[in-house]
Amino acid sequence: MNILKLSIILVTGLVGLLMNGVAAKEVKIDDSLTIFYEQAGSGDTTIIFIPGWMMSTEVFEHQLAHFKHSTTYRALAYDPRGQGKSSKPVEGHTYQQHARDLAKLIEKLDLNKVILAGWSYGVTEQLAYINQFGTEKIKAMIMIDTGPDIAGATRDEWVWYLNDDSDGYSRSFTEGIIEDRDNVITGFAKWMLENPTPKVVAWLTKIANQTSSSVAAITNATGFYLDYSKDLIALEGKMPLLYVVRSEMKAVADKWIKANTPSATTAYMGKHMMFWERPKEFNKVVDEFLASVKYK
């Protein structure tokens, strides 16, 4: 048997599945929410990978595999509410609430040395955490291909959407995901990849289909209004920061980073899923960053 599956009932209420050195577990946050997560490694510093819009822990498979033998770091990835294998409650689908869920997850798992590593809207989620809960338990921040502000006046800014939505980009992920779900998901999956093979697009579509259209529309629509620039700028010189950004956004991202958090480490590569398509390159950047982090 090539894959060892061992179901473990833990007295803490966590259910684990050991597979290739990665443990899949669940933790009850409250009566309406159970969070599914995967973890690897056994260090006392935990790197929490946060997936983006409609995505799940699956996209971080190469990062979990990378840390599975680590005794310095524990790598953990989880499915936010409404996504992946986590609960699908009717309410609470804002990134502010996602951040409160994250805080409860950190509390339930008794984590005190945490590095947050969000991807896409996962960056928004981690900044929403900083905004509400501060930095007491957070030792460093890794931000993957998203800045602190979601909408801006022009495409010269490091944003996803335009304030007036004159290009219809925000509308396509809000109304479009409800009215034309299949085409929006397929187009989005292809856009994220350097090499959008049918097999990979089908895999990402399967992941996205675990999130309902209404939840996807609400999270995108509420995310449109968020700007955590002040919260991120306040970390300059006080916390190690790493940005990994897709190559096509280098000019605008680099301009913002150098102006606002000049001590941060930066890397530019690939497209939106560079961490999955270029795992060796991405993981090397992360390893070098982690080696430079000095804990107080």
Foldseek 3Di string as FASTA:
>chain_A
DQWDWDWDCDPLRWIWTATLLKIWIWDDLDPQKIKIKIKAEAALEEEEEEEDQQFFPVLCPLVRNVRRHHHHYMYMYIAFAQFDPMGPDPDQLELLSSLVSVVSVCVSVVRQHYEYAYAHCGQCNVLSNCVVPNCRRYAAYEYEAADQAAEDCDPLARHPAHPVNPVVPLVCQAVVCVVPVVVSLLVVQVQQAPDNDPVSSVVSVVRSVSHDSNSRNVHSVNSNPGGSLVSVLVCAPPHAYEYEHEQVCCNNVVVSCCVRRVVYHYHYHHGRSCCNVVVVVVVVVVVVSVVPRDGD
